[in-house]
PDB file of N, CA and C in Angstrom:
ATOM      1  N   UNK A   1       0.464  -1.182  -0.478  1.00  0.00           N
ATOM      2  CA  UNK A   1       0.274   0.042  -0.585  1.00  0.00           C
ATOM      3  C   UNK A   1       1.135   1.434   0.320  1.00  0.00           C
ATOM      4  N   UNK A   2       0.898   2.494  -0.638  1.00  0.00           N
ATOM      5  CA  UNK A   2       1.290   3.118  -1.007  1.00  0.00           C
ATOM      6  C   UNK A   2       0.592   4.303   0.172  1.00  0.00           C
ATOM      7  N   UNK A   3       1.556   5.245   0.308  1.00  0.00           N
ATOM      8  CA  UNK A   3       1.489   6.071   1.950  1.00  0.00           C
ATOM      9  C   UNK A   3       2.693   7.352   1.352  1.00  0.00           C
ATOM     10  N   UNK A   4       1.505   8.641   1.142  1.00  0.00           N
ATOM     11  CA  UNK A   4       2.092  10.306   1.583  1.00  0.00           C
ATOM     12  C   UNK A   4       3.105  10.669   2.581  1.00  0.00           C
ATOM     13  N   UNK A   5       3.596  10.607   3.040  1.00  0.00           N
ATOM     14  CA  UNK A   5       4.136  11.683   4.115  1.00  0.00           C
ATOM     15  C   UNK A   5       4.418  12.759   3.671  1.00  0.00           C
ATOM     16  N   UNK A   6       3.812  14.162   4.204  1.00  0.00           N
ATOM     17  CA  UNK A   6       3.847  15.391   4.045  1.00  0.00           C
ATOM     18  C   UNK A   6       5.495  15.935   6.034  1.00  0.00           C
ATOM     19  N   UNK A   7       6.265  16.173   6.100  1.00  0.00           N
ATOM     20  CA  UNK A   7       6.567  17.261   7.204  1.00  0.00           C
ATOM     21  C   UNK A   7       7.301  18.021   6.395  1.00  0.00           C
ATOM     22  N   UNK A   8       6.451  18.895   7.520  1.00  0.00           N
ATOM     23  CA  UNK A   8       6.535  20.362   7.985  1.00  0.00           C
ATOM     24  C   UNK A   8       7.426  21.390   8.421  1.00  0.00           C
ATOM     25  N   UNK A   9       7.994  21.837   7.635  1.00  0.00           N
ATOM     26  CA  UNK A   9       8.783  23.166   8.573  1.00  0.00           C
ATOM     27  C   UNK A   9       9.421  22.828   9.771  1.00  0.00           C
ATOM     28  N   UNK A  10       9.692  23.074  10.239  1.00  0.00           N
ATOM     29  CA  UNK A  10      10.017  24.053  11.315  1.00  0.00           C
ATOM     30  C   UNK A  10      10.532  25.548  11.379  1.00  0.00           C
ATOM     31  N   UNK A  11      11.012  26.476  12.223  1.00  0.00           N
ATOM     32  CA  UNK A  11      11.906  27.619  12.544  1.00  0.00           C
ATOM     33  C   UNK A  11      13.195  27.912  11.271  1.00  0.00           C
ATOM     34  N   UNK A  12      13.467  26.549  12.112  1.00  0.00           N
ATOM     35  CA  UNK A  12      14.948  26.524  11.495  1.00  0.00           C
ATOM     36  C   UNK A  12      15.238  25.569  10.422  1.00  0.00           C
ATOM     37  N   UNK A  13      14.355  25.323  10.050  1.00  0.00           N
ATOM     38  CA  UNK A  13      14.256  23.952   8.642  1.00  0.00           C
ATOM     39  C   UNK A  13      15.196  24.555   7.626  1.00  0.00           C
ATOM     40  N   UNK A  14      14.971  25.027   7.396  1.00  0.00           N
ATOM     41  CA  UNK A  14      15.898  26.137   6.417  1.00  0.00           C
ATOM     42  C   UNK A  14      17.324  25.493   6.928  1.00  0.00           C
ATOM     43  N   UNK A  15      17.977  26.120   7.708  1.00  0.00           N
ATOM     44  CA  UNK A  15      19.209  26.274   8.342  1.00  0.00           C
ATOM     45  C   UNK A  15      20.031  24.887   8.551  1.00  0.00           C
ATOM     46  N   UNK A  16      18.703  24.094   8.717  1.00  0.00           N
ATOM     47  CA  UNK A  16      19.924  22.475   9.187  1.00  0.00           C
ATOM     48  C   UNK A  16      19.298  22.212   7.968  1.00  0.00           C
ATOM     49  N   UNK A  17      18.771  22.256   7.369  1.00  0.00           N
ATOM     50  CA  UNK A  17      18.477  20.974   6.107  1.00  0.00           C
ATOM     51  C   UNK A  17      19.933  20.504   5.532  1.00  0.00           C
ATOM     52  N   UNK A  18      20.908  21.702   4.958  1.00  0.00           N
ATOM     53  CA  UNK A  18      22.122  20.862   4.686  1.00  0.00           C
ATOM     54  C   UNK A  18      22.752  20.960   6.045  1.00  0.00           C
ATOM     55  N   UNK A  19      23.092  20.124   6.907  1.00  0.00           N
ATOM     56  CA  UNK A  19      23.559  19.867   7.937  1.00  0.00           C
ATOM     57  C   UNK A  19      22.728  17.488   7.954  1.00  0.00           C
ATOM     58  N   UNK A  20      22.073  18.262   8.124  1.00  0.00           N
ATOM     59  CA  UNK A  20      21.401  16.216   8.491  1.00  0.00           C
ATOM     60  C   UNK A  20      20.940  15.558   7.206  1.00  0.00           C
ATOM     61  N   UNK A  21      20.945  16.320   5.533  1.00  0.00           N
ATOM     62  CA  UNK A  21      20.354  16.456   4.826  1.00  0.00           C
ATOM     63  C   UNK A  21      20.862  14.975   4.141  1.00  0.00           C
ATOM     64  N   UNK A  22      22.554  14.493   4.580  1.00  0.00           N
ATOM     65  CA  UNK A  22      23.123  13.116   3.863  1.00  0.00           C
ATOM     66  C   UNK A  22      22.522  11.631   4.792  1.00  0.00           C
ATOM     67  N   UNK A  23      22.707  12.004   6.106  1.00  0.00           N
ATOM     68  CA  UNK A  23      21.492  10.690   6.574  1.00  0.00           C
ATOM     69  C   UNK A  23      19.676  10.061   6.126  1.00  0.00           C
ATOM     70  N   UNK A  24      19.853  11.797   5.677  1.00  0.00           N
ATOM     71  CA  UNK A  24      17.918  11.521   5.328  1.00  0.00           C
ATOM     72  C   UNK A  24      17.968  11.042   4.081  1.00  0.00           C
ATOM     73  N   UNK A  25      18.973  11.354   2.718  1.00  0.00           N
ATOM     74  CA  UNK A  25      19.084  10.652   1.800  1.00  0.00           C
ATOM     75  C   UNK A  25      19.310   9.241   1.526  1.00  0.00           C
ATOM     76  N   UNK A  26      20.636   8.744   2.404  1.00  0.00           N
ATOM     77  CA  UNK A  26      21.118   8.227   2.508  1.00  0.00           C
ATOM     78  C   UNK A  26      19.394   6.608   3.050  1.00  0.00           C
ATOM     79  N   UNK A  27      19.034   7.432   3.539  1.00  0.00           N
ATOM     80  CA  UNK A  27      18.353   6.418   3.643  1.00  0.00           C
ATOM     81  C   UNK A  27      17.085   6.186   3.199  1.00  0.00           C
ATOM     82  N   UNK A  28      16.245   7.910   2.057  1.00  0.00           N
ATOM     83  CA  UNK A  28      15.430   6.978   1.342  1.00  0.00           C
ATOM     84  C   UNK A  28      15.862   6.464   0.190  1.00  0.00           C
ATOM     85  N   UNK A  29      17.657   6.987   0.115  1.00  0.00           N
ATOM     86  CA  UNK A  29      18.042   5.618  -0.784  1.00  0.00           C
ATOM     87  C   UNK A  29      18.008   4.108  -1.071  1.00  0.00           C
ATOM     88  N   UNK A  30      18.429   3.615   0.053  1.00  0.00           N
ATOM     89  CA  UNK A  30      17.987   2.238   0.964  1.00  0.00           C
ATOM     90  C   UNK A  30      16.734   1.671   0.651  1.00  0.00           C
ATOM     91  N   UNK A  31      15.748   2.501   0.279  1.00  0.00           N
ATOM     92  CA  UNK A  31      14.591   2.707   0.364  1.00  0.00           C
ATOM     93  C   UNK A  31      13.923   2.289  -0.953  1.00  0.00           C
ATOM     94  N   UNK A  32      14.686   3.226  -1.561  1.00  0.00           N
ATOM     95  CA  UNK A  32      14.154   2.804  -3.159  1.00  0.00           C
ATOM     96  C   UNK A  32      15.385   2.044  -3.768  1.00  0.00           C
ATOM     97  N   UNK A  33      16.013   1.702  -3.408  1.00  0.00           N
ATOM     98  CA  UNK A  33      17.192   0.189  -3.434  1.00  0.00           C
ATOM     99  C   UNK A  33      15.703  -1.520  -3.122  1.00  0.00           C
ATOM    100  N   UNK A  34      15.579  -0.979  -2.809  1.00  0.00           N
ATOM    101  CA  UNK A  34      14.306  -2.152  -2.258  1.00  0.00           C
ATOM    102  C   UNK A  34      13.065  -1.482  -2.986  1.00  0.00           C
ATOM    103  N   UNK A  35      12.864  -0.840  -3.375  1.00  0.00           N
ATOM    104  CA  UNK A  35      11.661  -0.402  -4.741  1.00  0.00           C
ATOM    105  C   UNK A  35      10.578  -0.282  -3.737  1.00  0.00           C
ATOM    106  N   UNK A  36      10.639   0.578  -2.693  1.00  0.00           N
ATOM    107  CA  UNK A  36      10.019   1.029  -2.249  1.00  0.00           C
ATOM    108  C   UNK A  36       9.845   2.921  -1.843  1.00  0.00           C
ATOM    109  N   UNK A  37      10.568   3.219  -2.669  1.00  0.00           N
ATOM    110  CA  UNK A  37      10.141   4.572  -2.570  1.00  0.00           C
ATOM    111  C   UNK A  37       9.692   4.797  -3.606  1.00  0.00           C
ATOM    112  N   UNK A  38       8.543   6.383  -4.096  1.00  0.00           N
ATOM    113  CA  UNK A  38       7.667   5.932  -4.946  1.00  0.00           C
ATOM    114  C   UNK A  38       8.487   8.144  -6.039  1.00  0.00           C
ATOM    115  N   UNK A  39       8.444   8.664  -4.813  1.00  0.00           N
ATOM    116  CA  UNK A  39       8.872  10.062  -4.813  1.00  0.00           C
ATOM    117  C   UNK A  39       9.277  10.584  -3.805  1.00  0.00           C
ATOM    118  N   UNK A  40      10.295  11.586  -3.872  1.00  0.00           N
ATOM    119  CA  UNK A  40      10.191  12.422  -2.982  1.00  0.00           C
ATOM    120  C   UNK A  40      11.629  13.637  -2.588  1.00  0.00           C
ATOM    121  N   UNK A  41      10.679  14.917  -2.071  1.00  0.00           N
ATOM    122  CA  UNK A  41      12.125  15.701  -2.404  1.00  0.00           C
ATOM    123  C   UNK A  41      11.268  17.383  -1.893  1.00  0.00           C
ATOM    124  N   UNK A  42      11.658  17.558  -1.998  1.00  0.00           N
ATOM    125  CA  UNK A  42      11.188  19.267  -0.630  1.00  0.00           C
ATOM    126  C   UNK A  42      10.000  20.376  -1.294  1.00  0.00           C
ATOM    127  N   UNK A  43       9.518  20.894  -1.183  1.00  0.00           N
ATOM    128  CA  UNK A  43       8.376  22.171  -1.690  1.00  0.00           C
ATOM    129  C   UNK A  43       9.132  23.134  -2.315  1.00  0.00           C
ATOM    130  N   UNK A  44       8.458  23.611  -3.480  1.00  0.00           N
ATOM    131  CA  UNK A  44      10.145  25.115  -4.037  1.00  0.00           C
ATOM    132  C   UNK A  44       9.336  25.562  -3.459  1.00  0.00           C
ATOM    133  N   UNK A  45       8.124  26.264  -2.415  1.00  0.00           N
ATOM    134  CA  UNK A  45       8.131  27.209  -1.524  1.00  0.00           C
ATOM    135  C   UNK A  45       8.606  26.546  -0.004  1.00  0.00           C
ATOM    136  N   UNK A  46       8.915  26.546  -0.055  1.00  0.00           N
ATOM    137  CA  UNK A  46       9.739  26.336   1.307  1.00  0.00           C
ATOM    138  C   UNK A  46       9.282  25.452   2.693  1.00  0.00           C
ATOM    139  N   UNK A  47       8.207  25.512   2.255  1.00  0.00           N
ATOM    140  CA  UNK A  47       7.065  24.796   3.494  1.00  0.00           C
ATOM    141  C   UNK A  47       7.265  23.604   4.146  1.00  0.00           C
ATOM    142  N   UNK A  48       8.324  22.459   2.872  1.00  0.00           N
ATOM    143  CA  UNK A  48       8.739  20.969   3.796  1.00  0.00           C
ATOM    144  C   UNK A  48       9.090  19.908   2.578  1.00  0.00           C
ATOM    145  N   UNK A  49       8.329  18.891   2.968  1.00  0.00           N
ATOM    146  CA  UNK A  49       8.519  17.745   2.074  1.00  0.00           C
ATOM    147  C   UNK A  49       7.511  16.851   1.759  1.00  0.00           C
ATOM    148  N   UNK A  50       7.363  16.493   0.534  1.00  0.00           N
ATOM    149  CA  UNK A  50       7.009  15.394   0.752  1.00  0.00           C
ATOM    150  C   UNK A  50       7.415  14.057   0.178  1.00  0.00           C
ATOM    151  N   UNK A  51       7.275  13.098   0.688  1.00  0.00           N
ATOM    152  CA  UNK A  51       7.834  11.883   0.296  1.00  0.00           C
ATOM    153  C   UNK A  51       6.481  10.221   0.133  1.00  0.00           C
ATOM    154  N   UNK A  52       6.620   9.792  -1.399  1.00  0.00           N
ATOM    155  CA  UNK A  52       5.349   8.857  -1.315  1.00  0.00           C
ATOM    156  C   UNK A  52       6.427   7.690  -1.139  1.00  0.00           C
ATOM    157  N   UNK A  53       5.851   6.784  -0.273  1.00  0.00           N
ATOM    158  CA  UNK A  53       6.498   5.198   0.446  1.00  0.00           C
ATOM    159  C   UNK A  53       5.052   4.496   0.025  1.00  0.00           C
ATOM    160  N   UNK A  54       5.639   2.619  -0.657  1.00  0.00           N
ATOM    161  CA  UNK A  54       5.388   1.525  -0.157  1.00  0.00           C
ATOM    162  C   UNK A  54       4.809   0.915   0.797  1.00  0.00           C
ATOM    163  N   UNK A  55       4.887   0.565   1.824  1.00  0.00           N
ATOM    164  CA  UNK A  55       4.513  -0.201   2.681  1.00  0.00           C
ATOM    165  C   UNK A  55       3.626  -0.954   3.307  1.00  0.00           C
ATOM    166  N   UNK A  56       3.653  -1.943   3.905  1.00  0.00           N
ATOM    167  CA  UNK A  56       2.793  -2.717   3.913  1.00  0.00           C
ATOM    168  C   UNK A  56       1.856  -2.099   4.943  1.00  0.00           C
ATOM    169  N   UNK A  57       1.799  -1.515   6.147  1.00  0.00           N
ATOM    170  CA  UNK A  57       1.226  -0.553   6.795  1.00  0.00           C
ATOM    171  C   UNK A  57       1.042   0.131   7.369  1.00  0.00           C
ATOM    172  N   UNK A  58       0.000   1.326   7.715  1.00  0.00           N
ATOM    173  CA  UNK A  58      -0.089   2.778   7.856  1.00  0.00           C
ATOM    174  C   UNK A  58       1.354   2.628   9.025  1.00  0.00           C
ATOM    175  N   UNK A  59       1.660   1.002  10.213  1.00  0.00           N
ATOM    176  CA  UNK A  59       1.720   1.911  11.096  1.00  0.00           C
ATOM    177  C   UNK A  59       4.311   1.644  10.586  1.00  0.00           C
ATOM    178  N   UNK A  60       3.625   0.787   9.820  1.00  0.00           N
ATOM    179  CA  UNK A  60       4.685   1.090   9.418  1.00  0.00           C
ATOM    180  C   UNK A  60       5.595   2.150   8.978  1.00  0.00           C
ATOM    181  N   UNK A  61       4.839   3.475   8.257  1.00  0.00           N
ATOM    182  CA  UNK A  61       4.804   3.602   7.373  1.00  0.00           C
ATOM    183  C   UNK A  61       5.096   5.331   8.347  1.00  0.00           C
ATOM    184  N   UNK A  62       4.328   5.358   9.739  1.00  0.00           N
ATOM    185  CA  UNK A  62       4.795   6.273  10.675  1.00  0.00           C
ATOM    186  C   UNK A  62       5.897   5.753  11.009  1.00  0.00           C
ATOM    187  N   UNK A  63       6.328   4.971  11.028  1.00  0.00           N
ATOM    188  CA  UNK A  63       7.737   4.699  11.960  1.00  0.00           C
ATOM    189  C   UNK A  63       8.646   5.009  10.684  1.00  0.00           C
ATOM    190  N   UNK A  64       8.204   4.977   9.355  1.00  0.00           N
ATOM    191  CA  UNK A  64       9.466   5.578   8.901  1.00  0.00           C
ATOM    192  C   UNK A  64       9.031   7.019   8.834  1.00  0.00           C
ATOM    193  N   UNK A  65       8.907   7.250   9.522  1.00  0.00           N
ATOM    194  CA  UNK A  65       8.140   9.161   9.039  1.00  0.00           C
ATOM    195  C   UNK A  65       9.044   9.243  10.675  1.00  0.00           C
ATOM    196  N   UNK A  66       8.568   8.471  11.532  1.00  0.00           N
ATOM    197  CA  UNK A  66       9.232   9.425  12.485  1.00  0.00           C
ATOM    198  C   UNK A  66      10.125   9.701  13.037  1.00  0.00           C
ATOM    199  N   UNK A  67      11.481   8.272  12.163  1.00  0.00           N
ATOM    200  CA  UNK A  67      12.273   7.901  12.318  1.00  0.00           C
ATOM    201  C   UNK A  67      13.815   9.127  11.755  1.00  0.00           C
ATOM    202  N   UNK A  68      13.281   9.669  10.483  1.00  0.00           N
ATOM    203  CA  UNK A  68      13.221   9.795   9.660  1.00  0.00           C
ATOM    204  C   UNK A  68      14.241  11.280  10.254  1.00  0.00           C
ATOM    205  N   UNK A  69      15.785  11.188   9.500  1.00  0.00           N
ATOM    206  CA  UNK A  69      16.547  12.293  10.405  1.00  0.00           C
ATOM    207  C   UNK A  69      16.317  13.837  10.362  1.00  0.00           C
ATOM    208  N   UNK A  70      15.246  14.386   9.682  1.00  0.00           N
ATOM    209  CA  UNK A  70      14.760  15.651   9.549  1.00  0.00           C
ATOM    210  C   UNK A  70      13.513  15.863  10.187  1.00  0.00           C
ATOM    211  N   UNK A  71      12.652  14.357  11.123  1.00  0.00           N
ATOM    212  CA  UNK A  71      12.139  14.662  12.019  1.00  0.00           C
ATOM    213  C   UNK A  71      13.212  15.243  13.708  1.00  0.00           C
ATOM    214  N   UNK A  72      13.968  13.411  13.172  1.00  0.00           N
ATOM    215  CA  UNK A  72      14.715  13.464  14.449  1.00  0.00           C
ATOM    216  C   UNK A  72      15.416  15.104  14.826  1.00  0.00           C
ATOM    217  N   UNK A  73      16.360  15.668  13.836  1.00  0.00           N
ATOM    218  CA  UNK A  73      16.854  15.905  14.106  1.00  0.00           C
ATOM    219  C   UNK A  73      16.168  17.627  14.142  1.00  0.00           C
ATOM    220  N   UNK A  74      14.958  18.105  13.864  1.00  0.00           N
ATOM    221  CA  UNK A  74      13.888  19.350  14.078  1.00  0.00           C
ATOM    222  C   UNK A  74      13.974  20.028  12.730  1.00  0.00           C
ATOM    223  N   UNK A  75      14.458  19.269  11.581  1.00  0.00           N
ATOM    224  CA  UNK A  75      13.383  19.921  10.930  1.00  0.00           C
ATOM    225  C   UNK A  75      12.481  20.128  10.252  1.00  0.00           C
ATOM    226  N   UNK A  76      11.488  18.984   9.995  1.00  0.00           N
ATOM    227  CA  UNK A  76       9.834  19.244  10.647  1.00  0.00           C
ATOM    228  C   UNK A  76       9.791  18.650  11.605  1.00  0.00           C
ATOM    229  N   UNK A  77       8.716  20.258  11.850  1.00  0.00           N
ATOM    230  CA  UNK A  77       8.268  20.903  13.417  1.00  0.00           C
ATOM    231  C   UNK A  77       6.939  19.421  13.516  1.00  0.00           C
ATOM    232  N   UNK A  78       6.656  19.161  12.139  1.00  0.00           N
ATOM    233  CA  UNK A  78       5.110  18.260  11.884  1.00  0.00           C
ATOM    234  C   UNK A  78       5.164  17.950  10.781  1.00  0.00           C
ATOM    235  N   UNK A  79       4.503  16.239  11.243  1.00  0.00           N
ATOM    236  CA  UNK A  79       4.414  15.280   9.576  1.00  0.00           C
ATOM    237  C   UNK A  79       2.958  14.752   9.647  1.00  0.00           C
ATOM    238  N   UNK A  80       2.624  14.803   8.461  1.00  0.00           N
ATOM    239  CA  UNK A  80       1.825  13.821   8.401  1.00  0.00           C
ATOM    240  C   UNK A  80       1.633  12.465   7.120  1.00  0.00           C
ATOM    241  N   UNK A  81       1.163  11.509   8.293  1.00  0.00           N
ATOM    242  CA  UNK A  81       1.263  10.359   7.240  1.00  0.00           C
ATOM    243  C   UNK A  81       0.224  10.285   6.452  1.00  0.00           C
ATOM    244  N   UNK A  82      -0.001   9.566   5.010  1.00  0.00           N
ATOM    245  CA  UNK A  82      -1.435   9.244   4.337  1.00  0.00           C
ATOM    246  C   UNK A  82      -1.839   8.496   3.836  1.00  0.00           C
ATOM    247  N   UNK A  83      -2.071   7.120   4.052  1.00  0.00           N
ATOM    248  CA  UNK A  83      -2.978   6.647   2.282  1.00  0.00           C
ATOM    249  C   UNK A  83      -3.009   6.276   1.641  1.00  0.00           C
ATOM    250  N   UNK A  84      -2.383   6.341   0.378  1.00  0.00           N
ATOM    251  CA  UNK A  84      -1.882   6.464  -1.106  1.00  0.00           C
ATOM    252  C   UNK A  84      -2.978   6.161  -2.182  1.00  0.00           C
ATOM    253  N   UNK A  85      -4.304   6.207  -2.827  1.00  0.00           N
ATOM    254  CA  UNK A  85      -4.306   6.086  -4.126  1.00  0.00           C
ATOM    255  C   UNK A  85      -4.513   6.140  -5.215  1.00  0.00           C
ATOM    256  N   UNK A  86      -3.276   5.413  -5.516  1.00  0.00           N
ATOM    257  CA  UNK A  86      -2.570   6.125  -6.752  1.00  0.00           C
ATOM    258  C   UNK A  86      -3.725   5.608  -8.532  1.00  0.00           C
ATOM    259  N   UNK A  87      -4.108   6.419  -9.639  1.00  0.00           N
ATOM    260  CA  UNK A  87      -4.658   6.557 -10.044  1.00  0.00           C
ATOM    261  C   UNK A  87      -4.363   6.417 -12.153  1.00  0.00           C
ATOM    262  N   UNK A  88      -3.062   7.681 -11.731  1.00  0.00           N
ATOM    263  CA  UNK A  88      -2.487   7.851 -12.552  1.00  0.00           C
ATOM    264  C   UNK A  88      -1.104   8.043 -11.908  1.00  0.00           C
ATOM    265  N   UNK A  89      -0.012   7.967 -13.241  1.00  0.00           N
ATOM    266  CA  UNK A  89      -0.011   6.976 -14.405  1.00  0.00           C
ATOM    267  C   UNK A  89      -0.494   5.795 -14.109  1.00  0.00           C
ATOM    268  N   UNK A  90      -0.755   4.608 -14.925  1.00  0.00           N
ATOM    269  CA  UNK A  90      -1.577   3.599 -13.826  1.00  0.00           C
ATOM    270  C   UNK A  90       0.147   2.431 -13.844  1.00  0.00           C
TER     271      UNK A  90
END
């Protein structure tokens, strides 16, 4: 099942991103290597980031989000995890 993770940046998010970006991307790369990363990237308006992943359960997606370096290090002040039904592309 697919899940959308939205991370909303806190006040220091943009300043902290460069410091914690390598472990954040390394973690996403591992998920990509497993075929579970659909897409990921920051919002162009610097409000936060979007990650779409495939996992077996909502609990697994929430755990992945909570353990992300951007959450642990305070870049994201708030995260949302939602089940996602992809319609297109097929």
